[in-house]
Amino acid sequence: WATWCGPCKMSIPHLVDLYNKYREEGVEVVGVSLDQQGPAIVKPFASAFKINYPIVMGNQKVVTDFGGVRGIPTMILFKNGAPAATKVGAAPKSALKGWLEAEL
């Protein structure tokens, strides 16, 4: 995701809500910011959007290591430590919830 990405801005509140709902069941959300300006721009954004899950700064190596990113936001669901499913682009909360529940 990135602070300048409109679809990311639409998805973040859904991820915050889903994290709140499912973290007791062991679900973790980790945001990987691709903002080139670094933490100086990401920290105020995270505060404004009330992001309550960990955020790390990504770079081209991270993108490559995950097989490339066709667009952002890209959500990768890991199950038992391995990628299980990928979703590119914004989605309604109900779709993200259904996607997550199908893998739980």
PDB file of N, CA and C in Angstrom:
ATOM      1  N   TRP A   1       0.832  -1.170   0.000  1.00  0.00           N
ATOM      2  CA  TRP A   1       0.000   0.000   0.000  1.00  0.00           C
ATOM      3  C   TRP A   1       0.880   1.237   0.000  1.00  0.00           C
ATOM      4  N   ALA A   2       0.255   2.381  -0.216  1.00  0.00           N
ATOM      5  CA  ALA A   2       0.969   3.654  -0.169  1.00  0.00           C
ATOM      6  C   ALA A   2      -0.006   4.742   0.253  1.00  0.00           C
ATOM      7  N   THR A   3       0.530   5.778   0.866  1.00  0.00           N
ATOM      8  CA  THR A   3      -0.311   6.863   1.371  1.00  0.00           C
ATOM      9  C   THR A   3      -1.022   7.613   0.249  1.00  0.00           C
ATOM     10  N   TRP A   4      -0.483   7.606  -0.955  1.00  0.00           N
ATOM     11  CA  TRP A   4      -1.058   8.335  -2.080  1.00  0.00           C
ATOM     12  C   TRP A   4      -2.079   7.505  -2.867  1.00  0.00           C
ATOM     13  N   CYS A   5      -2.280   6.259  -2.482  1.00  0.00           N
ATOM     14  CA  CYS A   5      -3.117   5.315  -3.229  1.00  0.00           C
ATOM     15  C   CYS A   5      -4.577   5.383  -2.761  1.00  0.00           C
ATOM     16  N   GLY A   6      -5.457   5.837  -3.649  1.00  0.00           N
ATOM     17  CA  GLY A   6      -6.881   5.931  -3.315  1.00  0.00           C
ATOM     18  C   GLY A   6      -7.509   4.606  -2.908  1.00  0.00           C
ATOM     19  N   PRO A   7      -7.325   3.532  -3.697  1.00  0.00           N
ATOM     20  CA  PRO A   7      -7.886   2.242  -3.292  1.00  0.00           C
ATOM     21  C   PRO A   7      -7.325   1.741  -1.957  1.00  0.00           C
ATOM     22  N   CYS A   8      -6.070   2.081  -1.658  1.00  0.00           N
ATOM     23  CA  CYS A   8      -5.488   1.700  -0.360  1.00  0.00           C
ATOM     24  C   CYS A   8      -6.226   2.415   0.764  1.00  0.00           C
ATOM     25  N   LYS A   9      -6.486   3.701   0.556  1.00  0.00           N
ATOM     26  CA  LYS A   9      -7.200   4.490   1.568  1.00  0.00           C
ATOM     27  C   LYS A   9      -8.593   3.920   1.817  1.00  0.00           C
ATOM     28  N   MET A  10      -9.214   3.369   0.779  1.00  0.00           N
ATOM     29  CA  MET A  10     -10.535   2.757   0.930  1.00  0.00           C
ATOM     30  C   MET A  10     -10.437   1.440   1.693  1.00  0.00           C
ATOM     31  N   SER A  11      -9.357   0.699   1.509  1.00  0.00           N
ATOM     32  CA  SER A  11      -9.216  -0.629   2.104  1.00  0.00           C
ATOM     33  C   SER A  11      -8.751  -0.610   3.553  1.00  0.00           C
ATOM     34  N   ILE A  12      -7.975   0.376   3.935  1.00  0.00           N
ATOM     35  CA  ILE A  12      -7.385   0.391   5.272  1.00  0.00           C
ATOM     36  C   ILE A  12      -8.436   0.334   6.383  1.00  0.00           C
ATOM     37  N   PRO A  13      -9.509   1.116   6.348  1.00  0.00           N
ATOM     38  CA  PRO A  13     -10.507   0.990   7.424  1.00  0.00           C
ATOM     39  C   PRO A  13     -11.099  -0.419   7.521  1.00  0.00           C
ATOM     40  N   HIS A  14     -11.258  -1.098   6.391  1.00  0.00           N
ATOM     41  CA  HIS A  14     -11.768  -2.472   6.400  1.00  0.00           C
ATOM     42  C   HIS A  14     -10.767  -3.399   7.095  1.00  0.00           C
ATOM     43  N   LEU A  15      -9.481  -3.214   6.789  1.00  0.00           N
ATOM     44  CA  LEU A  15      -8.454  -4.050   7.410  1.00  0.00           C
ATOM     45  C   LEU A  15      -8.376  -3.805   8.911  1.00  0.00           C
ATOM     46  N   VAL A  16      -8.527  -2.551   9.328  1.00  0.00           N
ATOM     47  CA  VAL A  16      -8.538  -2.228  10.763  1.00  0.00           C
ATOM     48  C   VAL A  16      -9.699  -2.952  11.438  1.00  0.00           C
ATOM     49  N   ASP A  17     -10.880  -2.873  10.847  1.00  0.00           N
ATOM     50  CA  ASP A  17     -12.064  -3.543  11.419  1.00  0.00           C
ATOM     51  C   ASP A  17     -11.891  -5.061  11.465  1.00  0.00           C
ATOM     52  N   LEU A  18     -11.401  -5.639  10.376  1.00  0.00           N
ATOM     53  CA  LEU A  18     -11.221  -7.094  10.332  1.00  0.00           C
ATOM     54  C   LEU A  18     -10.146  -7.544  11.317  1.00  0.00           C
ATOM     55  N   TYR A  19      -9.105  -6.752  11.456  1.00  0.00           N
ATOM     56  CA  TYR A  19      -8.067  -7.073  12.433  1.00  0.00           C
ATOM     57  C   TYR A  19      -8.647  -7.062  13.846  1.00  0.00           C
ATOM     58  N   ASN A  20      -9.449  -6.049  14.142  1.00  0.00           N
ATOM     59  CA  ASN A  20     -10.091  -5.986  15.462  1.00  0.00           C
ATOM     60  C   ASN A  20     -10.967  -7.210  15.715  1.00  0.00           C
ATOM     61  N   LYS A  21     -11.674  -7.644  14.687  1.00  0.00           N
ATOM     62  CA  LYS A  21     -12.611  -8.759  14.841  1.00  0.00           C
ATOM     63  C   LYS A  21     -11.910 -10.116  14.952  1.00  0.00           C
ATOM     64  N   TYR A  22     -10.828 -10.328  14.206  1.00  0.00           N
ATOM     65  CA  TYR A  22     -10.244 -11.663  14.092  1.00  0.00           C
ATOM     66  C   TYR A  22      -8.887 -11.860  14.774  1.00  0.00           C
ATOM     67  N   ARG A  23      -8.336 -10.826  15.362  1.00  0.00           N
ATOM     68  CA  ARG A  23      -6.999 -11.012  15.953  1.00  0.00           C
ATOM     69  C   ARG A  23      -7.009 -11.982  17.126  1.00  0.00           C
ATOM     70  N   GLU A  24      -8.131 -12.099  17.830  1.00  0.00           N
ATOM     71  CA  GLU A  24      -8.235 -13.079  18.923  1.00  0.00           C
ATOM     72  C   GLU A  24      -8.193 -14.513  18.397  1.00  0.00           C
ATOM     73  N   GLU A  25      -8.473 -14.675  17.109  1.00  0.00           N
ATOM     74  CA  GLU A  25      -8.421 -15.993  16.475  1.00  0.00           C
ATOM     75  C   GLU A  25      -7.059 -16.252  15.827  1.00  0.00           C
ATOM     76  N   GLY A  26      -6.116 -15.357  16.074  1.00  0.00           N
ATOM     77  CA  GLY A  26      -4.766 -15.543  15.554  1.00  0.00           C
ATOM     78  C   GLY A  26      -4.483 -14.868  14.224  1.00  0.00           C
ATOM     79  N   VAL A  27      -5.425 -14.067  13.727  1.00  0.00           N
ATOM     80  CA  VAL A  27      -5.209 -13.359  12.464  1.00  0.00           C
ATOM     81  C   VAL A  27      -4.311 -12.154  12.720  1.00  0.00           C
ATOM     82  N   GLU A  28      -3.298 -12.013  11.901  1.00  0.00           N
ATOM     83  CA  GLU A  28      -2.406 -10.864  11.963  1.00  0.00           C
ATOM     84  C   GLU A  28      -2.498 -10.106  10.648  1.00  0.00           C
ATOM     85  N   VAL A  29      -2.436  -8.812  10.737  1.00  0.00           N
ATOM     86  CA  VAL A  29      -2.370  -7.953   9.559  1.00  0.00           C
ATOM     87  C   VAL A  29      -1.052  -7.199   9.662  1.00  0.00           C
ATOM     88  N   VAL A  30      -0.303  -7.182   8.578  1.00  0.00           N
ATOM     89  CA  VAL A  30       0.928  -6.409   8.513  1.00  0.00           C
ATOM     90  C   VAL A  30       0.854  -5.577   7.236  1.00  0.00           C
ATOM     91  N   GLY A  31       0.916  -4.282   7.395  1.00  0.00           N
ATOM     92  CA  GLY A  31       0.916  -3.389   6.242  1.00  0.00           C
ATOM     93  C   GLY A  31       2.332  -3.167   5.757  1.00  0.00           C
ATOM     94  N   VAL A  32       2.545  -3.285   4.463  1.00  0.00           N
ATOM     95  CA  VAL A  32       3.863  -3.025   3.880  1.00  0.00           C
ATOM     96  C   VAL A  32       3.737  -1.777   3.011  1.00  0.00           C
ATOM     97  N   SER A  33       4.267  -0.675   3.523  1.00  0.00           N
ATOM     98  CA  SER A  33       4.178   0.593   2.796  1.00  0.00           C
ATOM     99  C   SER A  33       5.253   0.664   1.730  1.00  0.00           C
ATOM    100  N   LEU A  34       4.854   1.073   0.544  1.00  0.00           N
ATOM    101  CA  LEU A  34       5.793   1.256  -0.553  1.00  0.00           C
ATOM    102  C   LEU A  34       6.100   2.732  -0.789  1.00  0.00           C
ATOM    103  N   ASP A  35       5.772   3.572   0.184  1.00  0.00           N
ATOM    104  CA  ASP A  35       6.068   5.006   0.085  1.00  0.00           C
ATOM    105  C   ASP A  35       7.570   5.230   0.080  1.00  0.00           C
ATOM    106  N   GLN A  36       8.069   5.897  -0.935  1.00  0.00           N
ATOM    107  CA  GLN A  36       9.505   6.154  -1.036  1.00  0.00           C
ATOM    108  C   GLN A  36       9.963   7.235  -0.055  1.00  0.00           C
ATOM    109  N   GLN A  37       9.044   8.044   0.452  1.00  0.00           N
ATOM    110  CA  GLN A  37       9.406   9.103   1.396  1.00  0.00           C
ATOM    111  C   GLN A  37       9.678   8.547   2.787  1.00  0.00           C
ATOM    112  N   GLY A  38       9.345   7.298   3.025  1.00  0.00           N
ATOM    113  CA  GLY A  38       9.669   6.640   4.273  1.00  0.00           C
ATOM    114  C   GLY A  38       8.736   6.941   5.436  1.00  0.00           C
ATOM    115  N   PRO A  39       9.185   6.598   6.638  1.00  0.00           N
ATOM    116  CA  PRO A  39       8.349   6.724   7.832  1.00  0.00           C
ATOM    117  C   PRO A  39       7.832   8.134   8.104  1.00  0.00           C
ATOM    118  N   ALA A  40       8.551   9.147   7.664  1.00  0.00           N
ATOM    119  CA  ALA A  40       8.125  10.521   7.925  1.00  0.00           C
ATOM    120  C   ALA A  40       6.735  10.810   7.364  1.00  0.00           C
ATOM    121  N   ILE A  41       6.390  10.189   6.261  1.00  0.00           N
ATOM    122  CA  ILE A  41       5.058  10.386   5.676  1.00  0.00           C
ATOM    123  C   ILE A  41       4.079   9.305   6.137  1.00  0.00           C
ATOM    124  N   VAL A  42       4.589   8.117   6.427  1.00  0.00           N
ATOM    125  CA  VAL A  42       3.730   6.993   6.791  1.00  0.00           C
ATOM    126  C   VAL A  42       3.182   7.129   8.223  1.00  0.00           C
ATOM    127  N   LYS A  43       3.995   7.573   9.149  1.00  0.00           N
ATOM    128  CA  LYS A  43       3.558   7.666  10.551  1.00  0.00           C
ATOM    129  C   LYS A  43       2.348   8.578  10.739  1.00  0.00           C
ATOM    130  N   PRO A  44       2.345   9.801  10.207  1.00  0.00           N
ATOM    131  CA  PRO A  44       1.145  10.629  10.382  1.00  0.00           C
ATOM    132  C   PRO A  44      -0.086  10.053   9.672  1.00  0.00           C
ATOM    133  N   PHE A  45       0.147   9.426   8.530  1.00  0.00           N
ATOM    134  CA  PHE A  45      -0.949   8.784   7.800  1.00  0.00           C
ATOM    135  C   PHE A  45      -1.553   7.661   8.645  1.00  0.00           C
ATOM    136  N   ALA A  46      -0.697   6.826   9.215  1.00  0.00           N
ATOM    137  CA  ALA A  46      -1.157   5.703  10.045  1.00  0.00           C
ATOM    138  C   ALA A  46      -1.945   6.207  11.240  1.00  0.00           C
ATOM    139  N   SER A  47      -1.499   7.281  11.822  1.00  0.00           N
ATOM    140  CA  SER A  47      -2.215   7.865  12.956  1.00  0.00           C
ATOM    141  C   SER A  47      -3.578   8.400  12.529  1.00  0.00           C
ATOM    142  N   ALA A  48      -3.623   9.108  11.417  1.00  0.00           N
ATOM    143  CA  ALA A  48      -4.877   9.674  10.917  1.00  0.00           C
ATOM    144  C   ALA A  48      -5.884   8.591  10.561  1.00  0.00           C
ATOM    145  N   PHE A  49      -5.406   7.460  10.036  1.00  0.00           N
ATOM    146  CA  PHE A  49      -6.286   6.360   9.644  1.00  0.00           C
ATOM    147  C   PHE A  49      -6.493   5.339  10.762  1.00  0.00           C
ATOM    148  N   LYS A  50      -5.921   5.648  11.940  1.00  0.00           N
ATOM    149  CA  LYS A  50      -6.072   4.784  13.119  1.00  0.00           C
ATOM    150  C   LYS A  50      -5.654   3.340  12.838  1.00  0.00           C
ATOM    151  N   ILE A  51      -4.561   3.191  12.105  1.00  0.00           N
ATOM    152  CA  ILE A  51      -4.045   1.857  11.793  1.00  0.00           C
ATOM    153  C   ILE A  51      -3.499   1.252  13.078  1.00  0.00           C
ATOM    154  N   ASN A  52      -4.041   0.105  13.456  1.00  0.00           N
ATOM    155  CA  ASN A  52      -3.679  -0.542  14.720  1.00  0.00           C
ATOM    156  C   ASN A  52      -2.878  -1.823  14.520  1.00  0.00           C
ATOM    157  N   TYR A  53      -2.479  -2.085  13.321  1.00  0.00           N
ATOM    158  CA  TYR A  53      -1.669  -3.262  13.031  1.00  0.00           C
ATOM    159  C   TYR A  53      -0.262  -2.796  12.635  1.00  0.00           C
ATOM    160  N   PRO A  54       0.726  -3.694  12.718  1.00  0.00           N
ATOM    161  CA  PRO A  54       2.098  -3.305  12.391  1.00  0.00           C
ATOM    162  C   PRO A  54       2.251  -2.872  10.939  1.00  0.00           C
ATOM    163  N   ILE A  55       3.131  -1.910  10.740  1.00  0.00           N
ATOM    164  CA  ILE A  55       3.467  -1.431   9.401  1.00  0.00           C
ATOM    165  C   ILE A  55       4.978  -1.525   9.246  1.00  0.00           C
ATOM    166  N   VAL A  56       5.402  -2.033   8.123  1.00  0.00           N
ATOM    167  CA  VAL A  56       6.828  -2.066   7.788  1.00  0.00           C
ATOM    168  C   VAL A  56       7.020  -1.317   6.472  1.00  0.00           C
ATOM    169  N   MET A  57       8.225  -0.850   6.265  1.00  0.00           N
ATOM    170  CA  MET A  57       8.541  -0.165   5.024  1.00  0.00           C
ATOM    171  C   MET A  57       9.058  -1.190   4.019  1.00  0.00           C
ATOM    172  N   GLY A  58       8.464  -1.173   2.840  1.00  0.00           N
ATOM    173  CA  GLY A  58       8.871  -2.082   1.785  1.00  0.00           C
ATOM    174  C   GLY A  58       9.787  -1.384   0.792  1.00  0.00           C
ATOM    175  N   ASN A  59      10.357  -2.173  -0.096  1.00  0.00           N
ATOM    176  CA  ASN A  59      11.199  -1.653  -1.171  1.00  0.00           C
ATOM    177  C   ASN A  59      11.103  -2.627  -2.345  1.00  0.00           C
ATOM    178  N   GLN A  60      11.898  -2.400  -3.362  1.00  0.00           N
ATOM    179  CA  GLN A  60      11.820  -3.254  -4.550  1.00  0.00           C
ATOM    180  C   GLN A  60      12.162  -4.702  -4.233  1.00  0.00           C
ATOM    181  N   LYS A  61      13.074  -4.933  -3.299  1.00  0.00           N
ATOM    182  CA  LYS A  61      13.425  -6.307  -2.920  1.00  0.00           C
ATOM    183  C   LYS A  61      12.219  -7.023  -2.319  1.00  0.00           C
ATOM    184  N   VAL A  62      11.479  -6.342  -1.475  1.00  0.00           N
ATOM    185  CA  VAL A  62      10.283  -6.942  -0.875  1.00  0.00           C
ATOM    186  C   VAL A  62       9.283  -7.290  -1.967  1.00  0.00           C
ATOM    187  N   VAL A  63       9.066  -6.364  -2.887  1.00  0.00           N
ATOM    188  CA  VAL A  63       8.135  -6.603  -4.005  1.00  0.00           C
ATOM    189  C   VAL A  63       8.581  -7.830  -4.790  1.00  0.00           C
ATOM    190  N   THR A  64       9.862  -7.906  -5.103  1.00  0.00           N
ATOM    191  CA  THR A  64      10.398  -9.044  -5.859  1.00  0.00           C
ATOM    192  C   THR A  64      10.268 -10.341  -5.076  1.00  0.00           C
ATOM    193  N   ASP A  65      10.592 -10.287  -3.785  1.00  0.00           N
ATOM    194  CA  ASP A  65      10.522 -11.494  -2.952  1.00  0.00           C
ATOM    195  C   ASP A  65       9.112 -12.073  -2.872  1.00  0.00           C
ATOM    196  N   PHE A  66       8.101 -11.223  -3.006  1.00  0.00           N
ATOM    197  CA  PHE A  66       6.726 -11.703  -2.964  1.00  0.00           C
ATOM    198  C   PHE A  66       6.170 -11.983  -4.351  1.00  0.00           C
ATOM    199  N   GLY A  67       7.047 -12.095  -5.323  1.00  0.00           N
ATOM    200  CA  GLY A  67       6.617 -12.486  -6.663  1.00  0.00           C
ATOM    201  C   GLY A  67       6.155 -11.338  -7.525  1.00  0.00           C
ATOM    202  N   GLY A  68       6.427 -10.120  -7.100  1.00  0.00           N
ATOM    203  CA  GLY A  68       5.997  -8.957  -7.864  1.00  0.00           C
ATOM    204  C   GLY A  68       4.643  -8.476  -7.398  1.00  0.00           C
ATOM    205  N   VAL A  69       4.379  -7.227  -7.635  1.00  0.00           N
ATOM    206  CA  VAL A  69       3.105  -6.626  -7.275  1.00  0.00           C
ATOM    207  C   VAL A  69       2.558  -5.967  -8.523  1.00  0.00           C
ATOM    208  N   ARG A  70       1.401  -6.431  -8.969  1.00  0.00           N
ATOM    209  CA  ARG A  70       0.780  -5.893 -10.192  1.00  0.00           C
ATOM    210  C   ARG A  70       0.108  -4.562  -9.944  1.00  0.00           C
ATOM    211  N   GLY A  71      -0.294  -4.312  -8.713  1.00  0.00           N
ATOM    212  CA  GLY A  71      -0.979  -3.081  -8.366  1.00  0.00           C
ATOM    213  C   GLY A  71      -1.124  -3.005  -6.857  1.00  0.00           C
ATOM    214  N   ILE A  72      -1.491  -1.828  -6.386  1.00  0.00           N
ATOM    215  CA  ILE A  72      -1.725  -1.695  -4.951  1.00  0.00           C
ATOM    216  C   ILE A  72      -3.126  -1.159  -4.739  1.00  0.00           C
ATOM    217  N   PRO A  73      -3.756  -1.579  -3.682  1.00  0.00           N
ATOM    218  CA  PRO A  73      -3.235  -2.487  -2.671  1.00  0.00           C
ATOM    219  C   PRO A  73      -3.207  -3.931  -3.176  1.00  0.00           C
ATOM    220  N   THR A  74      -2.227  -4.651  -2.707  1.00  0.00           N
ATOM    221  CA  THR A  74      -2.159  -6.091  -2.903  1.00  0.00           C
ATOM    222  C   THR A  74      -2.213  -6.727  -1.527  1.00  0.00           C
ATOM    223  N   MET A  75      -3.144  -7.629  -1.330  1.00  0.00           N
ATOM    224  CA  MET A  75      -3.283  -8.327  -0.056  1.00  0.00           C
ATOM    225  C   MET A  75      -2.902  -9.779  -0.260  1.00  0.00           C
ATOM    226  N   ILE A  76      -2.001 -10.237   0.565  1.00  0.00           N
ATOM    227  CA  ILE A  76      -1.548 -11.627   0.493  1.00  0.00           C
ATOM    228  C   ILE A  76      -1.932 -12.295   1.800  1.00  0.00           C
ATOM    229  N   LEU A  77      -2.705 -13.337   1.688  1.00  0.00           N
ATOM    230  CA  LEU A  77      -3.136 -14.094   2.856  1.00  0.00           C
ATOM    231  C   LEU A  77      -2.192 -15.271   3.040  1.00  0.00           C
ATOM    232  N   PHE A  78      -1.578 -15.330   4.205  1.00  0.00           N
ATOM    233  CA  PHE A  78      -0.679 -16.432   4.539  1.00  0.00           C
ATOM    234  C   PHE A  78      -1.417 -17.401   5.446  1.00  0.00           C
ATOM    235  N   LYS A  79      -1.198 -18.663   5.211  1.00  0.00           N
ATOM    236  CA  LYS A  79      -1.773 -19.704   6.053  1.00  0.00           C
ATOM    237  C   LYS A  79      -0.667 -20.695   6.356  1.00  0.00           C
ATOM    238  N   ASN A  80      -0.454 -20.949   7.631  1.00  0.00           N
ATOM    239  CA  ASN A  80       0.635 -21.831   8.064  1.00  0.00           C
ATOM    240  C   ASN A  80       1.980 -21.379   7.516  1.00  0.00           C
ATOM    241  N   GLY A  81       2.180 -20.048   7.453  1.00  0.00           N
ATOM    242  CA  GLY A  81       3.464 -19.490   7.047  1.00  0.00           C
ATOM    243  C   GLY A  81       3.720 -19.393   5.563  1.00  0.00           C
ATOM    244  N   ALA A  82       2.754 -19.793   4.742  1.00  0.00           N
ATOM    245  CA  ALA A  82       2.947 -19.749   3.293  1.00  0.00           C
ATOM    246  C   ALA A  82       1.820 -18.958   2.636  1.00  0.00           C
ATOM    247  N   PRO A  83       2.114 -18.260   1.534  1.00  0.00           N
ATOM    248  CA  PRO A  83       1.046 -17.536   0.835  1.00  0.00           C
ATOM    249  C   PRO A  83      -0.057 -18.496   0.390  1.00  0.00           C
ATOM    250  N   ALA A  84      -1.294 -18.149   0.726  1.00  0.00           N
ATOM    251  CA  ALA A  84      -2.428 -19.006   0.388  1.00  0.00           C
ATOM    252  C   ALA A  84      -3.337 -18.370  -0.665  1.00  0.00           C
ATOM    253  N   ALA A  85      -3.392 -17.045  -0.684  1.00  0.00           N
ATOM    254  CA  ALA A  85      -4.265 -16.363  -1.635  1.00  0.00           C
ATOM    255  C   ALA A  85      -3.801 -14.915  -1.777  1.00  0.00           C
ATOM    256  N   THR A  86      -4.082 -14.331  -2.929  1.00  0.00           N
ATOM    257  CA  THR A  86      -3.710 -12.947  -3.197  1.00  0.00           C
ATOM    258  C   THR A  86      -4.909 -12.217  -3.770  1.00  0.00           C
ATOM    259  N   LYS A  87      -5.088 -10.988  -3.335  1.00  0.00           N
ATOM    260  CA  LYS A  87      -6.155 -10.132  -3.846  1.00  0.00           C
ATOM    261  C   LYS A  87      -5.531  -8.792  -4.207  1.00  0.00           C
ATOM    262  N   VAL A  88      -5.749  -8.334  -5.443  1.00  0.00           N
ATOM    263  CA  VAL A  88      -5.212  -7.058  -5.907  1.00  0.00           C
ATOM    264  C   VAL A  88      -6.355  -6.075  -6.052  1.00  0.00           C
ATOM    265  N   GLY A  89      -6.184  -4.891  -5.501  1.00  0.00           N
ATOM    266  CA  GLY A  89      -7.176  -3.833  -5.621  1.00  0.00           C
ATOM    267  C   GLY A  89      -8.084  -3.755  -4.416  1.00  0.00           C
ATOM    268  N   ALA A  90      -8.805  -2.664  -4.361  1.00  0.00           N
ATOM    269  CA  ALA A  90      -9.744  -2.450  -3.259  1.00  0.00           C
ATOM    270  C   ALA A  90     -10.927  -3.403  -3.383  1.00  0.00           C
ATOM    271  N   ALA A  91     -11.507  -3.723  -2.254  1.00  0.00           N
ATOM    272  CA  ALA A  91     -12.686  -4.589  -2.230  1.00  0.00           C
ATOM    273  C   ALA A  91     -13.574  -4.149  -1.086  1.00  0.00           C
ATOM    274  N   PRO A  92     -14.882  -4.349  -1.204  1.00  0.00           N
ATOM    275  CA  PRO A  92     -15.756  -4.017  -0.085  1.00  0.00           C
ATOM    276  C   PRO A  92     -15.405  -4.867   1.136  1.00  0.00           C
ATOM    277  N   LYS A  93     -15.722  -4.352   2.295  1.00  0.00           N
ATOM    278  CA  LYS A  93     -15.426  -5.064   3.531  1.00  0.00           C
ATOM    279  C   LYS A  93     -16.036  -6.462   3.521  1.00  0.00           C
ATOM    280  N   SER A  94     -17.242  -6.596   2.998  1.00  0.00           N
ATOM    281  CA  SER A  94     -17.901  -7.907   2.980  1.00  0.00           C
ATOM    282  C   SER A  94     -17.102  -8.909   2.151  1.00  0.00           C
ATOM    283  N   ALA A  95     -16.513  -8.448   1.051  1.00  0.00           N
ATOM    284  CA  ALA A  95     -15.715  -9.346   0.212  1.00  0.00           C
ATOM    285  C   ALA A  95     -14.431  -9.752   0.930  1.00  0.00           C
ATOM    286  N   LEU A  96     -13.785  -8.810   1.596  1.00  0.00           N
ATOM    287  CA  LEU A  96     -12.565  -9.130   2.347  1.00  0.00           C
ATOM    288  C   LEU A  96     -12.877 -10.081   3.501  1.00  0.00           C
ATOM    289  N   LYS A  97     -14.001  -9.851   4.151  1.00  0.00           N
ATOM    290  CA  LYS A  97     -14.410 -10.721   5.258  1.00  0.00           C
ATOM    291  C   LYS A  97     -14.661 -12.141   4.750  1.00  0.00           C
ATOM    292  N   GLY A  98     -15.363 -12.270   3.641  1.00  0.00           N
ATOM    293  CA  GLY A  98     -15.636 -13.586   3.064  1.00  0.00           C
ATOM    294  C   GLY A  98     -14.367 -14.289   2.634  1.00  0.00           C
ATOM    295  N   TRP A  99     -13.448 -13.546   2.059  1.00  0.00           N
ATOM    296  CA  TRP A  99     -12.156 -14.082   1.619  1.00  0.00           C
ATOM    297  C   TRP A  99     -11.382 -14.602   2.815  1.00  0.00           C
ATOM    298  N   LEU A 100     -11.353 -13.824   3.884  1.00  0.00           N
ATOM    299  CA  LEU A 100     -10.636 -14.212   5.093  1.00  0.00           C
ATOM    300  C   LEU A 100     -11.287 -15.416   5.759  1.00  0.00           C
ATOM    301  N   GLU A 101     -12.598 -15.377   5.918  1.00  0.00           N
ATOM    302  CA  GLU A 101     -13.305 -16.474   6.592  1.00  0.00           C
ATOM    303  C   GLU A 101     -13.182 -17.781   5.826  1.00  0.00           C
ATOM    304  N   ALA A 102     -13.098 -17.704   4.500  1.00  0.00           N
ATOM    305  CA  ALA A 102     -12.961 -18.936   3.707  1.00  0.00           C
ATOM    306  C   ALA A 102     -11.628 -19.625   3.995  1.00  0.00           C
ATOM    307  N   GLU A 103     -10.651 -18.864   4.429  1.00  0.00           N
ATOM    308  CA  GLU A 103      -9.320 -19.426   4.693  1.00  0.00           C
ATOM    309  C   GLU A 103      -9.099 -19.779   6.157  1.00  0.00           C
ATOM    310  N   LEU A 104      -9.972 -19.320   7.047  1.00  0.00           N
ATOM    311  CA  LEU A 104      -9.782 -19.605   8.483  1.00  0.00           C
ATOM    312  C   LEU A 104     -10.087 -21.037   8.823  1.00  0.00           C
TER     313      LEU A 104
END
